[in-house]
Amino acid sequence: MQVFVYRSVRKQGAYLYVSRRDAFDAVPPPILQSLGRLDFALEFELTPDRKLAREDAATVLQHLKERGFHLQLPPNTNFDPMTDDWGTDA
């Protein structure tokens, strides 16, 4: 499947995948509004076995077929290592 990827200008690290160029009609308005302006980033052929940096290709394909879009959000950068259980308490 041919995939078109757009970068959110407002939300650093957020990317929107669609199966037709500039086809945002399937994306709910609140999502589009939260992303702000979208800049075209790249176009490529996506297959289930293709390796993607942060996403599972099969999941992206499934979302494109079922929803008409896939939203990739940045990894959680609010991780605080001091909140984990380090197993040092007696």
PDB file of N, CA and C in Angstrom:
ATOM      1  N   MET A   1       0.837  -1.171   0.000  1.00  0.00           N
ATOM      2  CA  MET A   1       0.000   0.000   0.000  1.00  0.00           C
ATOM      3  C   MET A   1       0.890   1.245   0.000  1.00  0.00           C
ATOM      4  N   GLN A   2       0.539   2.211  -0.821  1.00  0.00           N
ATOM      5  CA  GLN A   2       1.253   3.479  -0.844  1.00  0.00           C
ATOM      6  C   GLN A   2       0.815   4.303   0.367  1.00  0.00           C
ATOM      7  N   VAL A   3       1.776   4.878   1.069  1.00  0.00           N
ATOM      8  CA  VAL A   3       1.495   5.619   2.301  1.00  0.00           C
ATOM      9  C   VAL A   3       2.110   7.009   2.196  1.00  0.00           C
ATOM     10  N   PHE A   4       1.374   7.989   2.715  1.00  0.00           N
ATOM     11  CA  PHE A   4       1.821   9.377   2.732  1.00  0.00           C
ATOM     12  C   PHE A   4       1.897   9.804   4.193  1.00  0.00           C
ATOM     13  N   VAL A   5       3.023  10.360   4.583  1.00  0.00           N
ATOM     14  CA  VAL A   5       3.266  10.699   5.989  1.00  0.00           C
ATOM     15  C   VAL A   5       3.412  12.211   6.121  1.00  0.00           C
ATOM     16  N   TYR A   6       2.739  12.750   7.139  1.00  0.00           N
ATOM     17  CA  TYR A   6       2.763  14.186   7.410  1.00  0.00           C
ATOM     18  C   TYR A   6       3.274  14.426   8.820  1.00  0.00           C
ATOM     19  N   ARG A   7       4.078  15.446   8.966  1.00  0.00           N
ATOM     20  CA  ARG A   7       4.671  15.833  10.253  1.00  0.00           C
ATOM     21  C   ARG A   7       3.842  16.971  10.844  1.00  0.00           C
ATOM     22  N   SER A   8       3.514  16.850  12.123  1.00  0.00           N
ATOM     23  CA  SER A   8       2.802  17.912  12.820  1.00  0.00           C
ATOM     24  C   SER A   8       3.769  19.026  13.173  1.00  0.00           C
ATOM     25  N   VAL A   9       3.409  20.254  12.836  1.00  0.00           N
ATOM     26  CA  VAL A   9       4.233  21.401  13.187  1.00  0.00           C
ATOM     27  C   VAL A   9       4.036  21.754  14.668  1.00  0.00           C
ATOM     28  N   ARG A  10       2.832  21.566  15.159  1.00  0.00           N
ATOM     29  CA  ARG A  10       2.505  21.931  16.543  1.00  0.00           C
ATOM     30  C   ARG A  10       3.003  20.901  17.554  1.00  0.00           C
ATOM     31  N   LYS A  11       2.860  19.627  17.237  1.00  0.00           N
ATOM     32  CA  LYS A  11       3.180  18.551  18.185  1.00  0.00           C
ATOM     33  C   LYS A  11       4.463  17.856  17.745  1.00  0.00           C
ATOM     34  N   GLN A  12       5.552  18.213  18.370  1.00  0.00           N
ATOM     35  CA  GLN A  12       6.870  17.657  18.040  1.00  0.00           C
ATOM     36  C   GLN A  12       6.850  16.125  18.095  1.00  0.00           C
ATOM     37  N   GLY A  13       7.284  15.478  17.042  1.00  0.00           N
ATOM     38  CA  GLY A  13       7.380  14.020  17.016  1.00  0.00           C
ATOM     39  C   GLY A  13       6.104  13.294  16.628  1.00  0.00           C
ATOM     40  N   ALA A  14       5.031  14.025  16.285  1.00  0.00           N
ATOM     41  CA  ALA A  14       3.771  13.399  15.881  1.00  0.00           C
ATOM     42  C   ALA A  14       3.702  13.337  14.354  1.00  0.00           C
ATOM     43  N   TYR A  15       3.288  12.174  13.839  1.00  0.00           N
ATOM     44  CA  TYR A  15       3.190  11.961  12.397  1.00  0.00           C
ATOM     45  C   TYR A  15       1.846  11.331  12.069  1.00  0.00           C
ATOM     46  N   LEU A  16       1.263  11.754  10.969  1.00  0.00           N
ATOM     47  CA  LEU A  16      -0.017  11.237  10.513  1.00  0.00           C
ATOM     48  C   LEU A  16       0.199  10.492   9.204  1.00  0.00           C
ATOM     49  N   TYR A  17      -0.227   9.224   9.153  1.00  0.00           N
ATOM     50  CA  TYR A  17      -0.121   8.381   7.960  1.00  0.00           C
ATOM     51  C   TYR A  17      -1.504   8.310   7.298  1.00  0.00           C
ATOM     52  N   VAL A  18      -1.551   8.511   5.996  1.00  0.00           N
ATOM     53  CA  VAL A  18      -2.786   8.341   5.226  1.00  0.00           C
ATOM     54  C   VAL A  18      -2.449   7.583   3.936  1.00  0.00           C
ATOM     55  N   SER A  19      -3.481   7.018   3.312  1.00  0.00           N
ATOM     56  CA  SER A  19      -3.240   6.207   2.115  1.00  0.00           C
ATOM     57  C   SER A  19      -3.407   6.986   0.810  1.00  0.00           C
ATOM     58  N   ARG A  20      -3.854   8.237   0.892  1.00  0.00           N
ATOM     59  CA  ARG A  20      -3.946   9.109  -0.285  1.00  0.00           C
ATOM     60  C   ARG A  20      -3.371  10.468   0.090  1.00  0.00           C
ATOM     61  N   ARG A  21      -2.646  11.058  -0.809  1.00  0.00           N
ATOM     62  CA  ARG A  21      -2.010  12.343  -0.528  1.00  0.00           C
ATOM     63  C   ARG A  21      -3.071  13.407  -0.202  1.00  0.00           C
ATOM     64  N   ASP A  22      -2.846  14.120   0.890  1.00  0.00           N
ATOM     65  CA  ASP A  22      -3.718  15.202   1.361  1.00  0.00           C
ATOM     66  C   ASP A  22      -5.149  14.733   1.647  1.00  0.00           C
ATOM     67  N   ALA A  23      -5.333  13.453   1.945  1.00  0.00           N
ATOM     68  CA  ALA A  23      -6.667  12.908   2.235  1.00  0.00           C
ATOM     69  C   ALA A  23      -6.854  12.819   3.746  1.00  0.00           C
ATOM     70  N   PHE A  24      -7.364  13.882   4.330  1.00  0.00           N
ATOM     71  CA  PHE A  24      -7.541  13.946   5.784  1.00  0.00           C
ATOM     72  C   PHE A  24      -9.005  13.794   6.202  1.00  0.00           C
ATOM     73  N   ASP A  25      -9.875  13.440   5.261  1.00  0.00           N
ATOM     74  CA  ASP A  25     -11.300  13.350   5.548  1.00  0.00           C
ATOM     75  C   ASP A  25     -11.649  12.288   6.582  1.00  0.00           C
ATOM     76  N   ALA A  26     -10.856  11.234   6.725  1.00  0.00           N
ATOM     77  CA  ALA A  26     -11.134  10.175   7.702  1.00  0.00           C
ATOM     78  C   ALA A  26     -10.634  10.519   9.104  1.00  0.00           C
ATOM     79  N   VAL A  27      -9.820  11.552   9.214  1.00  0.00           N
ATOM     80  CA  VAL A  27      -9.235  11.925  10.505  1.00  0.00           C
ATOM     81  C   VAL A  27     -10.236  12.793  11.262  1.00  0.00           C
ATOM     82  N   PRO A  28     -10.581  12.411  12.489  1.00  0.00           N
ATOM     83  CA  PRO A  28     -11.526  13.211  13.270  1.00  0.00           C
ATOM     84  C   PRO A  28     -11.024  14.649  13.461  1.00  0.00           C
ATOM     85  N   PRO A  29     -11.916  15.619  13.342  1.00  0.00           N
ATOM     86  CA  PRO A  29     -11.524  17.030  13.478  1.00  0.00           C
ATOM     87  C   PRO A  29     -10.736  17.370  14.742  1.00  0.00           C
ATOM     88  N   PRO A  30     -11.072  16.789  15.926  1.00  0.00           N
ATOM     89  CA  PRO A  30     -10.274  17.127  17.111  1.00  0.00           C
ATOM     90  C   PRO A  30      -8.803  16.705  16.982  1.00  0.00           C
ATOM     91  N   ILE A  31      -8.549  15.605  16.292  1.00  0.00           N
ATOM     92  CA  ILE A  31      -7.168  15.154  16.092  1.00  0.00           C
ATOM     93  C   ILE A  31      -6.449  16.120  15.163  1.00  0.00           C
ATOM     94  N   LEU A  32      -7.102  16.469  14.059  1.00  0.00           N
ATOM     95  CA  LEU A  32      -6.489  17.415  13.129  1.00  0.00           C
ATOM     96  C   LEU A  32      -6.199  18.746  13.811  1.00  0.00           C
ATOM     97  N   GLN A  33      -7.141  19.198  14.623  1.00  0.00           N
ATOM     98  CA  GLN A  33      -6.970  20.473  15.323  1.00  0.00           C
ATOM     99  C   GLN A  33      -5.791  20.407  16.288  1.00  0.00           C
ATOM    100  N   SER A  34      -5.643  19.296  17.004  1.00  0.00           N
ATOM    101  CA  SER A  34      -4.559  19.176  17.973  1.00  0.00           C
ATOM    102  C   SER A  34      -3.189  19.096  17.299  1.00  0.00           C
ATOM    103  N   LEU A  35      -3.151  18.581  16.062  1.00  0.00           N
ATOM    104  CA  LEU A  35      -1.887  18.467  15.340  1.00  0.00           C
ATOM    105  C   LEU A  35      -1.451  19.794  14.714  1.00  0.00           C
ATOM    106  N   GLY A  36      -2.408  20.669  14.456  1.00  0.00           N
ATOM    107  CA  GLY A  36      -2.071  21.939  13.810  1.00  0.00           C
ATOM    108  C   GLY A  36      -1.720  21.716  12.346  1.00  0.00           C
ATOM    109  N   ARG A  37      -0.855  22.587  11.826  1.00  0.00           N
ATOM    110  CA  ARG A  37      -0.465  22.469  10.426  1.00  0.00           C
ATOM    111  C   ARG A  37       0.331  21.188  10.209  1.00  0.00           C
ATOM    112  N   LEU A  38       0.040  20.523   9.104  1.00  0.00           N
ATOM    113  CA  LEU A  38       0.738  19.286   8.751  1.00  0.00           C
ATOM    114  C   LEU A  38       1.612  19.533   7.535  1.00  0.00           C
ATOM    115  N   ASP A  39       2.886  19.180   7.639  1.00  0.00           N
ATOM    116  CA  ASP A  39       3.817  19.291   6.519  1.00  0.00           C
ATOM    117  C   ASP A  39       4.077  17.907   5.951  1.00  0.00           C
ATOM    118  N   PHE A  40       4.006  17.786   4.627  1.00  0.00           N
ATOM    119  CA  PHE A  40       4.281  16.513   3.981  1.00  0.00           C
ATOM    120  C   PHE A  40       5.718  16.107   4.277  1.00  0.00           C
ATOM    121  N   ALA A  41       5.907  14.877   4.742  1.00  0.00           N
ATOM    122  CA  ALA A  41       7.244  14.391   5.113  1.00  0.00           C
ATOM    123  C   ALA A  41       7.787  13.381   4.106  1.00  0.00           C
ATOM    124  N   LEU A  42       6.999  12.348   3.787  1.00  0.00           N
ATOM    125  CA  LEU A  42       7.481  11.341   2.852  1.00  0.00           C
ATOM    126  C   LEU A  42       6.367  10.462   2.328  1.00  0.00           C
ATOM    127  N   GLU A  43       6.682   9.747   1.257  1.00  0.00           N
ATOM    128  CA  GLU A  43       5.785   8.785   0.627  1.00  0.00           C
ATOM    129  C   GLU A  43       6.575   7.512   0.406  1.00  0.00           C
ATOM    130  N   PHE A  44       5.957   6.365   0.708  1.00  0.00           N
ATOM    131  CA  PHE A  44       6.642   5.094   0.492  1.00  0.00           C
ATOM    132  C   PHE A  44       5.643   3.962   0.395  1.00  0.00           C
ATOM    133  N   GLU A  45       6.128   2.825  -0.087  1.00  0.00           N
ATOM    134  CA  GLU A  45       5.313   1.607  -0.179  1.00  0.00           C
ATOM    135  C   GLU A  45       5.424   0.871   1.143  1.00  0.00           C
ATOM    136  N   LEU A  46       4.292   0.655   1.793  1.00  0.00           N
ATOM    137  CA  LEU A  46       4.278  -0.036   3.087  1.00  0.00           C
ATOM    138  C   LEU A  46       3.757  -1.452   2.916  1.00  0.00           C
ATOM    139  N   THR A  47       4.556  -2.415   3.365  1.00  0.00           N
ATOM    140  CA  THR A  47       4.179  -3.817   3.364  1.00  0.00           C
ATOM    141  C   THR A  47       4.220  -4.313   4.809  1.00  0.00           C
ATOM    142  N   PRO A  48       3.524  -5.403   5.126  1.00  0.00           N
ATOM    143  CA  PRO A  48       3.490  -5.880   6.507  1.00  0.00           C
ATOM    144  C   PRO A  48       4.858  -6.220   7.089  1.00  0.00           C
ATOM    145  N   ASP A  49       5.807  -6.583   6.239  1.00  0.00           N
ATOM    146  CA  ASP A  49       7.124  -6.971   6.746  1.00  0.00           C
ATOM    147  C   ASP A  49       8.149  -5.839   6.705  1.00  0.00           C
ATOM    148  N   ARG A  50       7.723  -4.667   6.320  1.00  0.00           N
ATOM    149  CA  ARG A  50       8.663  -3.534   6.264  1.00  0.00           C
ATOM    150  C   ARG A  50       9.006  -3.068   7.675  1.00  0.00           C
ATOM    151  N   LYS A  51      10.255  -2.753   7.886  1.00  0.00           N
ATOM    152  CA  LYS A  51      10.739  -2.287   9.186  1.00  0.00           C
ATOM    153  C   LYS A  51      10.545  -0.772   9.271  1.00  0.00           C
ATOM    154  N   LEU A  52       9.833  -0.329  10.300  1.00  0.00           N
ATOM    155  CA  LEU A  52       9.641   1.095  10.559  1.00  0.00           C
ATOM    156  C   LEU A  52      10.357   1.455  11.856  1.00  0.00           C
ATOM    157  N   ALA A  53      10.775   2.683  11.983  1.00  0.00           N
ATOM    158  CA  ALA A  53      11.563   3.110  13.143  1.00  0.00           C
ATOM    159  C   ALA A  53      10.799   2.968  14.464  1.00  0.00           C
ATOM    160  N   ARG A  54       9.570   3.447  14.537  1.00  0.00           N
ATOM    161  CA  ARG A  54       8.841   3.454  15.811  1.00  0.00           C
ATOM    162  C   ARG A  54       7.514   2.716  15.793  1.00  0.00           C
ATOM    163  N   GLU A  55       7.119   2.235  14.652  1.00  0.00           N
ATOM    164  CA  GLU A  55       5.801   1.610  14.539  1.00  0.00           C
ATOM    165  C   GLU A  55       5.912   0.205  13.963  1.00  0.00           C
ATOM    166  N   ASP A  56       4.894  -0.593  14.225  1.00  0.00           N
ATOM    167  CA  ASP A  56       4.779  -1.913  13.635  1.00  0.00           C
ATOM    168  C   ASP A  56       4.031  -1.766  12.313  1.00  0.00           C
ATOM    169  N   ALA A  57       4.636  -2.185  11.221  1.00  0.00           N
ATOM    170  CA  ALA A  57       4.049  -1.996   9.895  1.00  0.00           C
ATOM    171  C   ALA A  57       2.674  -2.632   9.777  1.00  0.00           C
ATOM    172  N   ALA A  58       2.483  -3.805  10.339  1.00  0.00           N
ATOM    173  CA  ALA A  58       1.184  -4.482  10.254  1.00  0.00           C
ATOM    174  C   ALA A  58       0.105  -3.674  10.969  1.00  0.00           C
ATOM    175  N   THR A  59       0.457  -3.063  12.098  1.00  0.00           N
ATOM    176  CA  THR A  59      -0.495  -2.238  12.843  1.00  0.00           C
ATOM    177  C   THR A  59      -0.856  -0.994  12.047  1.00  0.00           C
ATOM    178  N   VAL A  60       0.142  -0.356  11.450  1.00  0.00           N
ATOM    179  CA  VAL A  60      -0.115   0.836  10.636  1.00  0.00           C
ATOM    180  C   VAL A  60      -1.047   0.474   9.478  1.00  0.00           C
ATOM    181  N   LEU A  61      -0.778  -0.628   8.793  1.00  0.00           N
ATOM    182  CA  LEU A  61      -1.633  -1.066   7.687  1.00  0.00           C
ATOM    183  C   LEU A  61      -3.054  -1.344   8.157  1.00  0.00           C
ATOM    184  N   GLN A  62      -3.185  -1.989   9.297  1.00  0.00           N
ATOM    185  CA  GLN A  62      -4.515  -2.294   9.839  1.00  0.00           C
ATOM    186  C   GLN A  62      -5.280  -1.005  10.133  1.00  0.00           C
ATOM    187  N   HIS A  63      -4.627  -0.032  10.758  1.00  0.00           N
ATOM    188  CA  HIS A  63      -5.281   1.239  11.065  1.00  0.00           C
ATOM    189  C   HIS A  63      -5.678   1.980   9.790  1.00  0.00           C
ATOM    190  N   LEU A  64      -4.817   1.942   8.781  1.00  0.00           N
ATOM    191  CA  LEU A  64      -5.141   2.599   7.520  1.00  0.00           C
ATOM    192  C   LEU A  64      -6.370   1.965   6.872  1.00  0.00           C
ATOM    193  N   LYS A  65      -6.478   0.652   6.934  1.00  0.00           N
ATOM    194  CA  LYS A  65      -7.620  -0.040   6.331  1.00  0.00           C
ATOM    195  C   LYS A  65      -8.895   0.166   7.133  1.00  0.00           C
ATOM    196  N   GLU A  66      -8.796   0.114   8.468  1.00  0.00           N
ATOM    197  CA  GLU A  66      -9.977   0.222   9.325  1.00  0.00           C
ATOM    198  C   GLU A  66     -10.413   1.663   9.572  1.00  0.00           C
ATOM    199  N   ARG A  67      -9.456   2.550   9.822  1.00  0.00           N
ATOM    200  CA  ARG A  67      -9.768   3.930  10.214  1.00  0.00           C
ATOM    201  C   ARG A  67      -9.560   4.937   9.088  1.00  0.00           C
ATOM    202  N   GLY A  68      -8.668   4.593   8.163  1.00  0.00           N
ATOM    203  CA  GLY A  68      -8.331   5.527   7.106  1.00  0.00           C
ATOM    204  C   GLY A  68      -7.130   6.395   7.433  1.00  0.00           C
ATOM    205  N   PHE A  69      -6.550   6.196   8.611  1.00  0.00           N
ATOM    206  CA  PHE A  69      -5.363   6.954   9.022  1.00  0.00           C
ATOM    207  C   PHE A  69      -4.663   6.215  10.153  1.00  0.00           C
ATOM    208  N   HIS A  70      -3.420   6.607  10.407  1.00  0.00           N
ATOM    209  CA  HIS A  70      -2.675   6.115  11.561  1.00  0.00           C
ATOM    210  C   HIS A  70      -1.940   7.303  12.161  1.00  0.00           C
ATOM    211  N   LEU A  71      -2.039   7.456  13.466  1.00  0.00           N
ATOM    212  CA  LEU A  71      -1.378   8.556  14.162  1.00  0.00           C
ATOM    213  C   LEU A  71      -0.215   8.013  14.977  1.00  0.00           C
ATOM    214  N   GLN A  72       0.976   8.506  14.682  1.00  0.00           N
ATOM    215  CA  GLN A  72       2.169   8.130  15.448  1.00  0.00           C
ATOM    216  C   GLN A  72       2.503   9.283  16.378  1.00  0.00           C
ATOM    217  N   LEU A  73       2.477   9.006  17.668  1.00  0.00           N
ATOM    218  CA  LEU A  73       2.803  10.014  18.668  1.00  0.00           C
ATOM    219  C   LEU A  73       4.231   9.816  19.154  1.00  0.00           C
ATOM    220  N   PRO A  74       4.837  10.881  19.669  1.00  0.00           N
ATOM    221  CA  PRO A  74       6.211  10.740  20.162  1.00  0.00           C
ATOM    222  C   PRO A  74       6.240   9.830  21.387  1.00  0.00           C
ATOM    223  N   PRO A  75       7.382   9.207  21.642  1.00  0.00           N
ATOM    224  CA  PRO A  75       7.476   8.379  22.843  1.00  0.00           C
ATOM    225  C   PRO A  75       7.300   9.250  24.084  1.00  0.00           C
ATOM    226  N   ASN A  76       6.876   8.654  25.160  1.00  0.00           N
ATOM    227  CA  ASN A  76       6.659   9.384  26.405  1.00  0.00           C
ATOM    228  C   ASN A  76       7.998   9.899  26.924  1.00  0.00           C
ATOM    229  N   THR A  77       8.155  11.196  26.937  1.00  0.00           N
ATOM    230  CA  THR A  77       9.410  11.791  27.405  1.00  0.00           C
ATOM    231  C   THR A  77       9.309  12.270  28.844  1.00  0.00           C
ATOM    232  N   ASN A  78       8.168  12.022  29.484  1.00  0.00           N
ATOM    233  CA  ASN A  78       7.979  12.446  30.868  1.00  0.00           C
ATOM    234  C   ASN A  78       8.349  11.345  31.852  1.00  0.00           C
ATOM    235  N   PHE A  79       9.166  10.408  31.413  1.00  0.00           N
ATOM    236  CA  PHE A  79       9.545   9.281  32.253  1.00  0.00           C
ATOM    237  C   PHE A  79      10.454   9.749  33.381  1.00  0.00           C
ATOM    238  N   ASP A  80      10.092   9.401  34.590  1.00  0.00           N
ATOM    239  CA  ASP A  80      10.890   9.746  35.763  1.00  0.00           C
ATOM    240  C   ASP A  80      11.425   8.445  36.355  1.00  0.00           C
ATOM    241  N   PRO A  81      12.722   8.168  36.230  1.00  0.00           N
ATOM    242  CA  PRO A  81      13.265   6.896  36.715  1.00  0.00           C
ATOM    243  C   PRO A  81      13.128   6.721  38.220  1.00  0.00           C
ATOM    244  N   MET A  82      12.935   7.802  38.948  1.00  0.00           N
ATOM    245  CA  MET A  82      12.817   7.703  40.406  1.00  0.00           C
ATOM    246  C   MET A  82      11.461   7.155  40.843  1.00  0.00           C
ATOM    247  N   THR A  83      10.494   7.030  39.917  1.00  0.00           N
ATOM    248  CA  THR A  83       9.186   6.496  40.268  1.00  0.00           C
ATOM    249  C   THR A  83       9.130   4.976  40.125  1.00  0.00           C
ATOM    250  N   ASP A  84      10.130   4.374  39.500  1.00  0.00           N
ATOM    251  CA  ASP A  84      10.160   2.915  39.325  1.00  0.00           C
ATOM    252  C   ASP A  84      10.538   2.229  40.633  1.00  0.00           C
ATOM    253  N   ASP A  85      10.064   0.998  40.763  1.00  0.00           N
ATOM    254  CA  ASP A  85      10.454   0.187  41.908  1.00  0.00           C
ATOM    255  C   ASP A  85      11.796  -0.458  41.576  1.00  0.00           C
ATOM    256  N   TRP A  86      12.838  -0.066  42.262  1.00  0.00           N
ATOM    257  CA  TRP A  86      14.174  -0.564  42.006  1.00  0.00           C
ATOM    258  C   TRP A  86      14.484  -1.817  42.814  1.00  0.00           C
ATOM    259  N   GLY A  87      13.566  -2.222  43.657  1.00  0.00           N
ATOM    260  CA  GLY A  87      13.749  -3.416  44.446  1.00  0.00           C
ATOM    261  C   GLY A  87      14.793  -3.269  45.544  1.00  0.00           C
ATOM    262  N   THR A  88      15.036  -2.044  45.963  1.00  0.00           N
ATOM    263  CA  THR A  88      16.065  -1.824  46.986  1.00  0.00           C
ATOM    264  C   THR A  88      15.490  -1.616  48.376  1.00  0.00           C
ATOM    265  N   ASP A  89      14.160  -1.528  48.469  1.00  0.00           N
ATOM    266  CA  ASP A  89      13.553  -1.351  49.791  1.00  0.00           C
ATOM    267  C   ASP A  89      13.592  -2.673  50.556  1.00  0.00           C
ATOM    268  N   ALA A  90      13.912  -2.600  51.829  1.00  0.00           N
ATOM    269  CA  ALA A  90      14.002  -3.812  52.641  1.00  0.00           C
ATOM    270  C   ALA A  90      12.651  -4.201  53.166  1.00  0.00           C
TER     271      ALA A  90
END
